[in-house]
């Protein structure tokens, strides 16, 4: 069988049309997702019920025929597995117990204990590995340590990650200990996803853009390098996508510094800039503005062609610059795919 298109792009092949998937492709913009979410009753039950989590992962594949499916889960399942209290508040998002001292870090569960909590996630991966179409790549994922740490320190999402920056400045020993624990847990978590059937893994560093100077090197680049090196040692040939969102100049050389096979770009940089500064090192993923999934029309067509054209001289996986939003129109998703594939 011909190798899957996303795996070919990740190896550096330039394809006639880029393979395509979409961040948050399983989500609230789809009526079938909303129905399954209602069946589950709450978000964490959905994440931890393998049949339902697999179902919502498969829904956008059935509807749109994306070239990849990404495991339906949440980046905060790992902190929960490490012993953090986790709950979701309607209309406000996730809440966690907080980390403030070295004693708090030491009080987390050992990394070896995470698999008991995360076993349903691995079962979801096994179901998907069986049920996905033969041509569809299965992507596993985790949050990158800095981004996960920002939630564990603040107990919630914050606009500027100020609590994490404050702890980093006031008590770097505690902060580094937390980063190390998350890094070790992420290696084990992603390795188990690969053993269960994930063919590619992605590291989401959603708040990388708030790190500056040496902090970007220490807490975005170095943990990613450690995770990728460990995974590739255990699983030779495993492709890894890294997403240091809003990394700006930090995108330059990120693949070389970390060993990532592909760097995902958000839409704060232009495709031309990404081609000139990042694609020179290998595959890039991105980077259509998610707003086009809401507004659609000929502007969507033009923007899609712009991205495809800008990245056409190197390996490219088409995606959005960030996740699709709940107010997006599924018809615009179908339109985007048709244009990417030459329609």
C-alpha atoms as a PDB file:
ATOM      1  CA  UNK A   1       0.000   0.000   0.000  1.00  0.00           C
ATOM      2  CA  UNK A   2       1.196   3.510  -0.781  1.00  0.00           C
ATOM      3  CA  UNK A   3       2.394   5.227   2.375  1.00  0.00           C
ATOM      4  CA  UNK A   4      -0.066   7.655   3.955  1.00  0.00           C
ATOM      5  CA  UNK A   5       0.236  11.200   2.659  1.00  0.00           C
ATOM      6  CA  UNK A   6       0.928  12.827   6.021  1.00  0.00           C
ATOM      7  CA  UNK A   7       3.724  10.352   6.737  1.00  0.00           C
ATOM      8  CA  UNK A   8       5.204  11.149   3.337  1.00  0.00           C
ATOM      9  CA  UNK A   9       5.107  14.885   4.036  1.00  0.00           C
ATOM     10  CA  UNK A  10       6.680  14.340   7.443  1.00  0.00           C
ATOM     11  CA  UNK A  11       9.566  12.545   5.736  1.00  0.00           C
ATOM     12  CA  UNK A  12      10.136  15.619   3.577  1.00  0.00           C
ATOM     13  CA  UNK A  13       8.244  14.735   0.408  1.00  0.00           C
ATOM     14  CA  UNK A  14       6.640  17.548  -1.587  1.00  0.00           C
ATOM     15  CA  UNK A  15       3.218  16.343  -2.690  1.00  0.00           C
ATOM     16  CA  UNK A  16       1.022  17.652  -5.545  1.00  0.00           C
ATOM     17  CA  UNK A  17      -1.570  18.741  -2.959  1.00  0.00           C
ATOM     18  CA  UNK A  18      -0.740  18.963   0.730  1.00  0.00           C
ATOM     19  CA  UNK A  19      -2.399  16.495   3.079  1.00  0.00           C
ATOM     20  CA  UNK A  20      -4.890  18.152   5.403  1.00  0.00           C
ATOM     21  CA  UNK A  21      -6.305  17.861   8.894  1.00  0.00           C
ATOM     22  CA  UNK A  22      -7.565  20.506  11.277  1.00  0.00           C
ATOM     23  CA  UNK A  23      -6.862  21.309  14.913  1.00  0.00           C
ATOM     24  CA  UNK A  24      -9.979  20.671  17.040  1.00  0.00           C
ATOM     25  CA  UNK A  25     -11.589  18.995  14.033  1.00  0.00           C
ATOM     26  CA  UNK A  26     -13.656  16.945  16.490  1.00  0.00           C
ATOM     27  CA  UNK A  27     -15.581  19.573  18.373  1.00  0.00           C
ATOM     28  CA  UNK A  28     -18.507  21.822  19.075  1.00  0.00           C
ATOM     29  CA  UNK A  29     -18.917  23.153  15.525  1.00  0.00           C
ATOM     30  CA  UNK A  30     -20.266  19.710  14.540  1.00  0.00           C
ATOM     31  CA  UNK A  31     -23.837  18.756  15.475  1.00  0.00           C
ATOM     32  CA  UNK A  32     -22.856  15.090  15.763  1.00  0.00           C
ATOM     33  CA  UNK A  33     -20.190  16.026  18.317  1.00  0.00           C
ATOM     34  CA  UNK A  34     -22.713  17.989  20.373  1.00  0.00           C
ATOM     35  CA  UNK A  35     -25.033  14.979  20.364  1.00  0.00           C
ATOM     36  CA  UNK A  36     -22.294  12.628  21.579  1.00  0.00           C
ATOM     37  CA  UNK A  37     -21.159  15.153  24.177  1.00  0.00           C
ATOM     38  CA  UNK A  38     -24.737  15.285  25.491  1.00  0.00           C
ATOM     39  CA  UNK A  39     -24.820  11.493  25.615  1.00  0.00           C
ATOM     40  CA  UNK A  40     -21.642  11.499  27.719  1.00  0.00           C
ATOM     41  CA  UNK A  41     -23.098  14.033  30.133  1.00  0.00           C
ATOM     42  CA  UNK A  42     -19.893  15.931  30.839  1.00  0.00           C
ATOM     43  CA  UNK A  43     -16.567  16.613  29.147  1.00  0.00           C
ATOM     44  CA  UNK A  44     -14.323  14.424  31.292  1.00  0.00           C
ATOM     45  CA  UNK A  45     -16.690  11.472  30.926  1.00  0.00           C
ATOM     46  CA  UNK A  46     -16.437  11.935  27.172  1.00  0.00           C
ATOM     47  CA  UNK A  47     -12.622  11.922  27.359  1.00  0.00           C
ATOM     48  CA  UNK A  48     -12.520   8.816  29.569  1.00  0.00           C
ATOM     49  CA  UNK A  49     -15.151   6.710  27.762  1.00  0.00           C
ATOM     50  CA  UNK A  50     -13.215   5.032  24.947  1.00  0.00           C
ATOM     51  CA  UNK A  51     -16.183   4.230  22.695  1.00  0.00           C
ATOM     52  CA  UNK A  52     -17.446   7.818  22.855  1.00  0.00           C
ATOM     53  CA  UNK A  53     -14.007   9.417  22.547  1.00  0.00           C
ATOM     54  CA  UNK A  54     -13.313   7.238  19.519  1.00  0.00           C
ATOM     55  CA  UNK A  55     -16.699   8.147  18.054  1.00  0.00           C
ATOM     56  CA  UNK A  56     -16.056  11.897  18.194  1.00  0.00           C
ATOM     57  CA  UNK A  57     -12.560  11.355  16.766  1.00  0.00           C
ATOM     58  CA  UNK A  58     -14.072   9.468  13.832  1.00  0.00           C
ATOM     59  CA  UNK A  59     -16.913  11.928  13.149  1.00  0.00           C
ATOM     60  CA  UNK A  60     -14.893  14.503  11.146  1.00  0.00           C
ATOM     61  CA  UNK A  61     -13.201  11.690   9.221  1.00  0.00           C
ATOM     62  CA  UNK A  62     -16.562  10.324   8.134  1.00  0.00           C
ATOM     63  CA  UNK A  63     -17.909  13.755   7.287  1.00  0.00           C
ATOM     64  CA  UNK A  64     -14.890  15.336   5.594  1.00  0.00           C
ATOM     65  CA  UNK A  65     -12.329  12.645   4.810  1.00  0.00           C
ATOM     66  CA  UNK A  66      -9.369  14.386   6.447  1.00  0.00           C
ATOM     67  CA  UNK A  67      -5.976  12.765   5.917  1.00  0.00           C
ATOM     68  CA  UNK A  68      -5.457  12.422   9.677  1.00  0.00           C
ATOM     69  CA  UNK A  69      -7.483  11.870  12.822  1.00  0.00           C
ATOM     70  CA  UNK A  70      -6.208  13.292  16.091  1.00  0.00           C
ATOM     71  CA  UNK A  71      -7.048  11.518  19.311  1.00  0.00           C
ATOM     72  CA  UNK A  72      -9.873  13.207  21.218  1.00  0.00           C
ATOM     73  CA  UNK A  73      -8.589  13.977  24.705  1.00  0.00           C
ATOM     74  CA  UNK A  74      -7.432  17.038  26.661  1.00  0.00           C
ATOM     75  CA  UNK A  75      -3.987  18.306  27.635  1.00  0.00           C
ATOM     76  CA  UNK A  76      -5.063  18.420  31.298  1.00  0.00           C
ATOM     77  CA  UNK A  77      -5.616  14.677  31.598  1.00  0.00           C
ATOM     78  CA  UNK A  78      -1.906  14.271  32.334  1.00  0.00           C
ATOM     79  CA  UNK A  79      -1.957  16.663  35.330  1.00  0.00           C
ATOM     80  CA  UNK A  80      -4.981  14.776  36.608  1.00  0.00           C
ATOM     81  CA  UNK A  81      -3.103  11.504  36.225  1.00  0.00           C
ATOM     82  CA  UNK A  82      -0.237  13.065  38.198  1.00  0.00           C
ATOM     83  CA  UNK A  83      -2.635  13.741  41.049  1.00  0.00           C
ATOM     84  CA  UNK A  84      -4.027  17.217  40.390  1.00  0.00           C
ATOM     85  CA  UNK A  85      -7.730  17.730  41.024  1.00  0.00           C
ATOM     86  CA  UNK A  86      -9.415  18.593  37.706  1.00  0.00           C
ATOM     87  CA  UNK A  87     -12.946  19.732  36.981  1.00  0.00           C
ATOM     88  CA  UNK A  88     -14.690  21.775  34.322  1.00  0.00           C
ATOM     89  CA  UNK A  89     -16.963  24.702  35.145  1.00  0.00           C
ATOM     90  CA  UNK A  90     -19.717  25.411  32.610  1.00  0.00           C
ATOM     91  CA  UNK A  91     -18.935  28.524  30.597  1.00  0.00           C
ATOM     92  CA  UNK A  92     -15.586  29.023  32.315  1.00  0.00           C
ATOM     93  CA  UNK A  93     -13.445  26.051  31.309  1.00  0.00           C
ATOM     94  CA  UNK A  94     -11.060  23.887  33.318  1.00  0.00           C
ATOM     95  CA  UNK A  95     -10.132  24.283  36.965  1.00  0.00           C
ATOM     96  CA  UNK A  96      -7.274  22.529  38.759  1.00  0.00           C
ATOM     97  CA  UNK A  97      -5.773  22.360  42.211  1.00  0.00           C
ATOM     98  CA  UNK A  98      -2.655  24.543  42.204  1.00  0.00           C
ATOM     99  CA  UNK A  99       1.085  24.026  42.533  1.00  0.00           C
ATOM    100  CA  UNK A 100       2.938  26.694  44.529  1.00  0.00           C
ATOM    101  CA  UNK A 101       5.817  25.012  46.366  1.00  0.00           C
ATOM    102  CA  UNK A 102       8.373  22.241  45.978  1.00  0.00           C
ATOM    103  CA  UNK A 103       6.342  20.288  48.513  1.00  0.00           C
ATOM    104  CA  UNK A 104       3.365  20.484  46.128  1.00  0.00           C
ATOM    105  CA  UNK A 105       5.495  19.089  43.293  1.00  0.00           C
ATOM    106  CA  UNK A 106       6.834  16.329  45.535  1.00  0.00           C
ATOM    107  CA  UNK A 107       3.257  15.522  46.499  1.00  0.00           C
ATOM    108  CA  UNK A 108       2.316  14.641  42.924  1.00  0.00           C
ATOM    109  CA  UNK A 109       2.056  10.983  42.007  1.00  0.00           C
ATOM    110  CA  UNK A 110       5.126   9.272  40.579  1.00  0.00           C
ATOM    111  CA  UNK A 111       5.212   9.188  36.804  1.00  0.00           C
ATOM    112  CA  UNK A 112       4.914   5.399  36.815  1.00  0.00           C
ATOM    113  CA  UNK A 113       1.428   5.750  38.329  1.00  0.00           C
ATOM    114  CA  UNK A 114      -0.129   7.806  35.500  1.00  0.00           C
ATOM    115  CA  UNK A 115      -1.191   4.867  33.360  1.00  0.00           C
ATOM    116  CA  UNK A 116      -3.943   3.736  35.695  1.00  0.00           C
ATOM    117  CA  UNK A 117      -5.799   7.024  35.130  1.00  0.00           C
ATOM    118  CA  UNK A 118      -4.892   7.255  31.456  1.00  0.00           C
ATOM    119  CA  UNK A 119      -5.701   3.643  30.507  1.00  0.00           C
ATOM    120  CA  UNK A 120      -9.023   4.666  28.868  1.00  0.00           C
ATOM    121  CA  UNK A 121      -7.123   7.058  26.587  1.00  0.00           C
ATOM    122  CA  UNK A 122      -4.892   4.222  25.398  1.00  0.00           C
ATOM    123  CA  UNK A 123      -7.981   2.095  24.753  1.00  0.00           C
ATOM    124  CA  UNK A 124      -9.403   4.924  22.627  1.00  0.00           C
ATOM    125  CA  UNK A 125      -6.200   4.857  20.562  1.00  0.00           C
ATOM    126  CA  UNK A 126      -6.495   1.096  20.107  1.00  0.00           C
ATOM    127  CA  UNK A 127     -10.097   1.442  18.896  1.00  0.00           C
ATOM    128  CA  UNK A 128      -9.084   4.143  16.430  1.00  0.00           C
ATOM    129  CA  UNK A 129      -6.152   2.121  15.122  1.00  0.00           C
ATOM    130  CA  UNK A 130      -8.648  -0.609  14.240  1.00  0.00           C
ATOM    131  CA  UNK A 131     -11.476   1.531  12.891  1.00  0.00           C
ATOM    132  CA  UNK A 132      -9.855   4.365  10.953  1.00  0.00           C
ATOM    133  CA  UNK A 133      -9.755   4.074   7.168  1.00  0.00           C
ATOM    134  CA  UNK A 134      -6.518   2.562   5.903  1.00  0.00           C
ATOM    135  CA  UNK A 135      -5.417   5.856   4.339  1.00  0.00           C
ATOM    136  CA  UNK A 136      -5.947   7.953   7.487  1.00  0.00           C
ATOM    137  CA  UNK A 137      -3.040   8.725   9.812  1.00  0.00           C
ATOM    138  CA  UNK A 138      -3.653   8.531  13.570  1.00  0.00           C
ATOM    139  CA  UNK A 139      -2.098  11.379  15.572  1.00  0.00           C
ATOM    140  CA  UNK A 140      -1.606  11.216  19.323  1.00  0.00           C
ATOM    141  CA  UNK A 141      -0.832  14.304  21.359  1.00  0.00           C
ATOM    142  CA  UNK A 142       0.023  15.934  24.643  1.00  0.00           C
ATOM    143  CA  UNK A 143       0.434  19.435  25.948  1.00  0.00           C
ATOM    144  CA  UNK A 144       4.005  20.683  26.118  1.00  0.00           C
ATOM    145  CA  UNK A 145       5.412  21.080  29.651  1.00  0.00           C
ATOM    146  CA  UNK A 146       5.368  24.891  29.786  1.00  0.00           C
ATOM    147  CA  UNK A 147       1.737  25.111  28.712  1.00  0.00           C
ATOM    148  CA  UNK A 148       0.643  22.341  31.081  1.00  0.00           C
ATOM    149  CA  UNK A 149       2.594  23.980  33.910  1.00  0.00           C
ATOM    150  CA  UNK A 150       0.789  27.292  33.391  1.00  0.00           C
ATOM    151  CA  UNK A 151      -2.521  25.588  34.150  1.00  0.00           C
ATOM    152  CA  UNK A 152      -1.149  23.622  37.091  1.00  0.00           C
ATOM    153  CA  UNK A 153       0.273  26.759  38.708  1.00  0.00           C
ATOM    154  CA  UNK A 154      -2.681  29.086  38.075  1.00  0.00           C
ATOM    155  CA  UNK A 155      -5.396  26.461  38.485  1.00  0.00           C
ATOM    156  CA  UNK A 156      -7.008  27.708  35.285  1.00  0.00           C
ATOM    157  CA  UNK A 157      -6.251  29.305  31.934  1.00  0.00           C
ATOM    158  CA  UNK A 158      -4.949  32.875  32.162  1.00  0.00           C
ATOM    159  CA  UNK A 159      -4.566  35.554  29.486  1.00  0.00           C
ATOM    160  CA  UNK A 160      -0.863  36.183  30.106  1.00  0.00           C
ATOM    161  CA  UNK A 161       0.293  33.148  32.122  1.00  0.00           C
ATOM    162  CA  UNK A 162       1.302  35.597  34.879  1.00  0.00           C
ATOM    163  CA  UNK A 163       1.132  33.101  37.799  1.00  0.00           C
ATOM    164  CA  UNK A 164       3.557  30.744  36.037  1.00  0.00           C
ATOM    165  CA  UNK A 165       5.904  33.587  35.155  1.00  0.00           C
ATOM    166  CA  UNK A 166       5.780  34.760  38.766  1.00  0.00           C
ATOM    167  CA  UNK A 167       6.675  31.338  40.170  1.00  0.00           C
ATOM    168  CA  UNK A 168       9.424  30.958  37.569  1.00  0.00           C
ATOM    169  CA  UNK A 169      10.923  34.269  38.712  1.00  0.00           C
ATOM    170  CA  UNK A 170      10.490  33.752  42.459  1.00  0.00           C
ATOM    171  CA  UNK A 171      11.335  30.056  42.851  1.00  0.00           C
ATOM    172  CA  UNK A 172      13.049  28.626  39.811  1.00  0.00           C
ATOM    173  CA  UNK A 173      13.896  25.397  41.647  1.00  0.00           C
ATOM    174  CA  UNK A 174      10.235  24.598  42.205  1.00  0.00           C
ATOM    175  CA  UNK A 175       9.330  25.686  38.698  1.00  0.00           C
ATOM    176  CA  UNK A 176      12.046  23.529  37.135  1.00  0.00           C
ATOM    177  CA  UNK A 177      10.996  20.555  39.260  1.00  0.00           C
ATOM    178  CA  UNK A 178       7.442  20.882  37.944  1.00  0.00           C
ATOM    179  CA  UNK A 179       8.651  21.157  34.339  1.00  0.00           C
ATOM    180  CA  UNK A 180      10.789  18.048  34.846  1.00  0.00           C
ATOM    181  CA  UNK A 181       7.888  16.049  36.301  1.00  0.00           C
ATOM    182  CA  UNK A 182       5.592  17.037  33.426  1.00  0.00           C
ATOM    183  CA  UNK A 183       8.337  16.278  30.896  1.00  0.00           C
ATOM    184  CA  UNK A 184       8.861  12.788  32.302  1.00  0.00           C
ATOM    185  CA  UNK A 185       5.121  12.168  32.424  1.00  0.00           C
ATOM    186  CA  UNK A 186       4.694  13.360  28.845  1.00  0.00           C
ATOM    187  CA  UNK A 187       7.333  10.926  27.592  1.00  0.00           C
ATOM    188  CA  UNK A 188       5.529   8.009  29.250  1.00  0.00           C
ATOM    189  CA  UNK A 189       2.077   9.189  28.137  1.00  0.00           C
ATOM    190  CA  UNK A 190       3.023   9.657  24.484  1.00  0.00           C
ATOM    191  CA  UNK A 191       5.034   6.442  24.416  1.00  0.00           C
ATOM    192  CA  UNK A 192       1.960   4.517  25.535  1.00  0.00           C
ATOM    193  CA  UNK A 193      -0.120   6.238  22.866  1.00  0.00           C
ATOM    194  CA  UNK A 194       2.398   5.055  20.263  1.00  0.00           C
ATOM    195  CA  UNK A 195       2.337   1.514  21.651  1.00  0.00           C
ATOM    196  CA  UNK A 196      -1.463   1.602  21.368  1.00  0.00           C
ATOM    197  CA  UNK A 197      -1.340   2.614  17.690  1.00  0.00           C
ATOM    198  CA  UNK A 198      -0.612   6.340  17.247  1.00  0.00           C
ATOM    199  CA  UNK A 199       1.540   6.838  14.137  1.00  0.00           C
ATOM    200  CA  UNK A 200       2.507  10.468  14.784  1.00  0.00           C
ATOM    201  CA  UNK A 201       2.489  12.536  17.960  1.00  0.00           C
ATOM    202  CA  UNK A 202       2.098  16.264  18.391  1.00  0.00           C
ATOM    203  CA  UNK A 203       3.246  18.531  21.212  1.00  0.00           C
ATOM    204  CA  UNK A 204       0.938  21.504  21.774  1.00  0.00           C
ATOM    205  CA  UNK A 205       2.739  24.432  23.417  1.00  0.00           C
ATOM    206  CA  UNK A 206      -0.198  26.820  23.223  1.00  0.00           C
ATOM    207  CA  UNK A 207       1.412  29.469  25.453  1.00  0.00           C
ATOM    208  CA  UNK A 208       4.990  29.294  24.127  1.00  0.00           C
ATOM    209  CA  UNK A 209       4.640  32.825  22.806  1.00  0.00           C
ATOM    210  CA  UNK A 210       4.736  34.317  26.304  1.00  0.00           C
ATOM    211  CA  UNK A 211       8.249  32.958  26.928  1.00  0.00           C
ATOM    212  CA  UNK A 212      11.074  35.379  26.159  1.00  0.00           C
ATOM    213  CA  UNK A 213      14.799  35.050  25.566  1.00  0.00           C
ATOM    214  CA  UNK A 214      16.527  32.296  27.522  1.00  0.00           C
ATOM    215  CA  UNK A 215      13.209  31.233  29.026  1.00  0.00           C
ATOM    216  CA  UNK A 216      12.042  30.192  25.552  1.00  0.00           C
ATOM    217  CA  UNK A 217      15.148  28.027  25.215  1.00  0.00           C
ATOM    218  CA  UNK A 218      14.865  26.595  28.719  1.00  0.00           C
ATOM    219  CA  UNK A 219      11.128  25.937  28.871  1.00  0.00           C
ATOM    220  CA  UNK A 220       9.907  25.596  25.257  1.00  0.00           C
ATOM    221  CA  UNK A 221      12.904  24.219  23.363  1.00  0.00           C
ATOM    222  CA  UNK A 222      14.642  22.055  25.975  1.00  0.00           C
ATOM    223  CA  UNK A 223      11.594  20.085  27.238  1.00  0.00           C
ATOM    224  CA  UNK A 224      10.525  19.447  23.632  1.00  0.00           C
ATOM    225  CA  UNK A 225      14.051  18.252  22.810  1.00  0.00           C
ATOM    226  CA  UNK A 226      14.042  15.881  25.799  1.00  0.00           C
ATOM    227  CA  UNK A 227      10.611  14.470  24.961  1.00  0.00           C
ATOM    228  CA  UNK A 228      11.349  13.999  21.273  1.00  0.00           C
ATOM    229  CA  UNK A 229      14.751  12.399  21.885  1.00  0.00           C
ATOM    230  CA  UNK A 230      13.278   9.943  24.377  1.00  0.00           C
ATOM    231  CA  UNK A 231      10.365   9.025  22.115  1.00  0.00           C
ATOM    232  CA  UNK A 232      12.561   8.524  19.071  1.00  0.00           C
ATOM    233  CA  UNK A 233      14.937   6.357  21.112  1.00  0.00           C
ATOM    234  CA  UNK A 234      12.018   4.127  22.125  1.00  0.00           C
ATOM    235  CA  UNK A 235      10.169   4.279  18.809  1.00  0.00           C
ATOM    236  CA  UNK A 236      12.667   4.692  15.943  1.00  0.00           C
ATOM    237  CA  UNK A 237      11.175   6.499  12.975  1.00  0.00           C
ATOM    238  CA  UNK A 238       8.317   8.049  14.977  1.00  0.00           C
ATOM    239  CA  UNK A 239       7.398  11.428  13.431  1.00  0.00           C
ATOM    240  CA  UNK A 240       6.782  14.305  15.845  1.00  0.00           C
ATOM    241  CA  UNK A 241       5.016  17.610  15.154  1.00  0.00           C
ATOM    242  CA  UNK A 242       5.818  20.517  17.473  1.00  0.00           C
ATOM    243  CA  UNK A 243       3.605  23.583  17.903  1.00  0.00           C
ATOM    244  CA  UNK A 244       5.281  26.406  19.850  1.00  0.00           C
ATOM    245  CA  UNK A 245       2.316  28.702  19.222  1.00  0.00           C
ATOM    246  CA  UNK A 246       3.100  32.383  18.646  1.00  0.00           C
ATOM    247  CA  UNK A 247       6.779  31.569  18.922  1.00  0.00           C
ATOM    248  CA  UNK A 248       7.626  34.287  16.397  1.00  0.00           C
ATOM    249  CA  UNK A 249      11.379  34.291  15.815  1.00  0.00           C
ATOM    250  CA  UNK A 250      11.514  31.239  18.077  1.00  0.00           C
ATOM    251  CA  UNK A 251      10.063  29.209  15.209  1.00  0.00           C
ATOM    252  CA  UNK A 252      13.369  29.664  13.374  1.00  0.00           C
ATOM    253  CA  UNK A 253      15.574  26.653  14.032  1.00  0.00           C
ATOM    254  CA  UNK A 254      12.996  25.015  16.324  1.00  0.00           C
ATOM    255  CA  UNK A 255      12.983  21.772  14.326  1.00  0.00           C
ATOM    256  CA  UNK A 256      16.778  21.533  14.374  1.00  0.00           C
ATOM    257  CA  UNK A 257      16.996  22.350  18.079  1.00  0.00           C
ATOM    258  CA  UNK A 258      14.351  19.849  19.186  1.00  0.00           C
ATOM    259  CA  UNK A 259      14.476  17.061  16.613  1.00  0.00           C
ATOM    260  CA  UNK A 260      10.881  17.690  15.536  1.00  0.00           C
ATOM    261  CA  UNK A 261       9.985  16.430  12.057  1.00  0.00           C
ATOM    262  CA  UNK A 262       7.487  19.233  11.502  1.00  0.00           C
ATOM    263  CA  UNK A 263       6.793  22.630  13.033  1.00  0.00           C
ATOM    264  CA  UNK A 264       3.194  23.818  13.126  1.00  0.00           C
ATOM    265  CA  UNK A 265       2.793  27.556  12.550  1.00  0.00           C
ATOM    266  CA  UNK A 266       0.038  29.763  13.896  1.00  0.00           C
ATOM    267  CA  UNK A 267      -1.452  32.540  11.787  1.00  0.00           C
ATOM    268  CA  UNK A 268       0.448  35.355  13.490  1.00  0.00           C
ATOM    269  CA  UNK A 269       3.159  34.768  10.876  1.00  0.00           C
ATOM    270  CA  UNK A 270       2.610  34.876   7.128  1.00  0.00           C
ATOM    271  CA  UNK A 271       2.982  31.753   5.014  1.00  0.00           C
ATOM    272  CA  UNK A 272       5.754  33.499   3.072  1.00  0.00           C
ATOM    273  CA  UNK A 273       7.675  34.132   6.292  1.00  0.00           C
ATOM    274  CA  UNK A 274       7.150  30.524   7.351  1.00  0.00           C
ATOM    275  CA  UNK A 275       8.373  29.199   4.012  1.00  0.00           C
ATOM    276  CA  UNK A 276      11.481  31.401   4.086  1.00  0.00           C
ATOM    277  CA  UNK A 277      12.406  30.861   7.741  1.00  0.00           C
ATOM    278  CA  UNK A 278      10.994  27.522   8.919  1.00  0.00           C
ATOM    279  CA  UNK A 279      10.233  25.300   5.933  1.00  0.00           C
ATOM    280  CA  UNK A 280      13.923  25.471   5.020  1.00  0.00           C
ATOM    281  CA  UNK A 281      14.468  22.924   7.827  1.00  0.00           C
ATOM    282  CA  UNK A 282      11.734  20.506   6.758  1.00  0.00           C
ATOM    283  CA  UNK A 283       7.995  20.010   6.939  1.00  0.00           C
ATOM    284  CA  UNK A 284       5.724  22.773   8.185  1.00  0.00           C
ATOM    285  CA  UNK A 285       2.068  22.598   9.170  1.00  0.00           C
ATOM    286  CA  UNK A 286      -0.455  25.401   8.899  1.00  0.00           C
ATOM    287  CA  UNK A 287      -1.481  28.100   8.884  1.00  0.00           C
ATOM    288  CA  UNK A 288      -4.891  29.356   7.670  1.00  0.00           C
ATOM    289  CA  UNK A 289      -6.616  31.884   9.943  1.00  0.00           C
ATOM    290  CA  UNK A 290      -9.440  29.976  11.721  1.00  0.00           C
ATOM    291  CA  UNK A 291     -11.714  33.004  11.227  1.00  0.00           C
ATOM    292  CA  UNK A 292     -12.181  31.893   7.613  1.00  0.00           C
ATOM    293  CA  UNK A 293     -14.073  28.849   8.896  1.00  0.00           C
ATOM    294  CA  UNK A 294     -16.697  31.280  10.200  1.00  0.00           C
ATOM    295  CA  UNK A 295     -16.831  33.792   7.359  1.00  0.00           C
ATOM    296  CA  UNK A 296     -16.290  31.507   4.336  1.00  0.00           C
ATOM    297  CA  UNK A 297     -16.934  32.779   0.817  1.00  0.00           C
ATOM    298  CA  UNK A 298     -14.452  33.709  -1.861  1.00  0.00           C
ATOM    299  CA  UNK A 299     -12.149  35.190   0.788  1.00  0.00           C
ATOM    300  CA  UNK A 300     -11.767  31.679   2.194  1.00  0.00           C
ATOM    301  CA  UNK A 301     -10.910  30.301  -1.243  1.00  0.00           C
ATOM    302  CA  UNK A 302      -8.280  32.968  -1.811  1.00  0.00           C
ATOM    303  CA  UNK A 303      -6.728  32.539   1.624  1.00  0.00           C
ATOM    304  CA  UNK A 304      -6.494  28.759   1.205  1.00  0.00           C
ATOM    305  CA  UNK A 305      -4.811  29.113  -2.190  1.00  0.00           C
ATOM    306  CA  UNK A 306      -2.443  31.688  -0.703  1.00  0.00           C
ATOM    307  CA  UNK A 307      -1.280  29.245   1.998  1.00  0.00           C
ATOM    308  CA  UNK A 308      -0.952  26.323  -0.425  1.00  0.00           C
ATOM    309  CA  UNK A 309       0.995  28.414  -2.933  1.00  0.00           C
ATOM    310  CA  UNK A 310       3.356  29.904  -0.354  1.00  0.00           C
ATOM    311  CA  UNK A 311       4.359  26.485   0.986  1.00  0.00           C
ATOM    312  CA  UNK A 312       4.321  24.645  -2.361  1.00  0.00           C
ATOM    313  CA  UNK A 313       8.102  24.440  -2.744  1.00  0.00           C
ATOM    314  CA  UNK A 314       8.605  22.329   0.382  1.00  0.00           C
ATOM    315  CA  UNK A 315       6.921  19.645   2.491  1.00  0.00           C
ATOM    316  CA  UNK A 316       3.649  20.949   3.914  1.00  0.00           C
ATOM    317  CA  UNK A 317       0.650  19.695   5.897  1.00  0.00           C
ATOM    318  CA  UNK A 318      -2.320  22.031   5.501  1.00  0.00           C
ATOM    319  CA  UNK A 319      -3.987  23.062   8.740  1.00  0.00           C
ATOM    320  CA  UNK A 320      -5.381  26.061  10.552  1.00  0.00           C
ATOM    321  CA  UNK A 321      -3.171  28.408  12.545  1.00  0.00           C
ATOM    322  CA  UNK A 322      -5.059  27.352  15.672  1.00  0.00           C
ATOM    323  CA  UNK A 323      -8.145  25.300  16.510  1.00  0.00           C
ATOM    324  CA  UNK A 324     -11.443  25.691  14.695  1.00  0.00           C
ATOM    325  CA  UNK A 325     -13.915  27.699  16.776  1.00  0.00           C
ATOM    326  CA  UNK A 326     -17.385  26.532  17.890  1.00  0.00           C
ATOM    327  CA  UNK A 327     -19.103  29.136  15.684  1.00  0.00           C
ATOM    328  CA  UNK A 328     -17.520  27.773  12.480  1.00  0.00           C
ATOM    329  CA  UNK A 329     -19.726  26.519   9.645  1.00  0.00           C
ATOM    330  CA  UNK A 330     -19.088  22.886   8.621  1.00  0.00           C
ATOM    331  CA  UNK A 331     -19.828  23.879   5.024  1.00  0.00           C
ATOM    332  CA  UNK A 332     -16.783  26.140   5.110  1.00  0.00           C
ATOM    333  CA  UNK A 333     -14.652  23.198   6.225  1.00  0.00           C
ATOM    334  CA  UNK A 334     -15.818  21.184   3.227  1.00  0.00           C
ATOM    335  CA  UNK A 335     -15.122  24.163   0.978  1.00  0.00           C
ATOM    336  CA  UNK A 336     -11.592  24.538   2.393  1.00  0.00           C
ATOM    337  CA  UNK A 337     -10.802  20.882   1.770  1.00  0.00           C
ATOM    338  CA  UNK A 338     -12.075  21.065  -1.799  1.00  0.00           C
ATOM    339  CA  UNK A 339      -9.826  24.048  -2.556  1.00  0.00           C
ATOM    340  CA  UNK A 340      -6.766  22.422  -0.957  1.00  0.00           C
ATOM    341  CA  UNK A 341      -7.330  19.330  -3.054  1.00  0.00           C
ATOM    342  CA  UNK A 342      -7.710  21.307  -6.226  1.00  0.00           C
ATOM    343  CA  UNK A 343     -11.464  21.940  -6.353  1.00  0.00           C
END
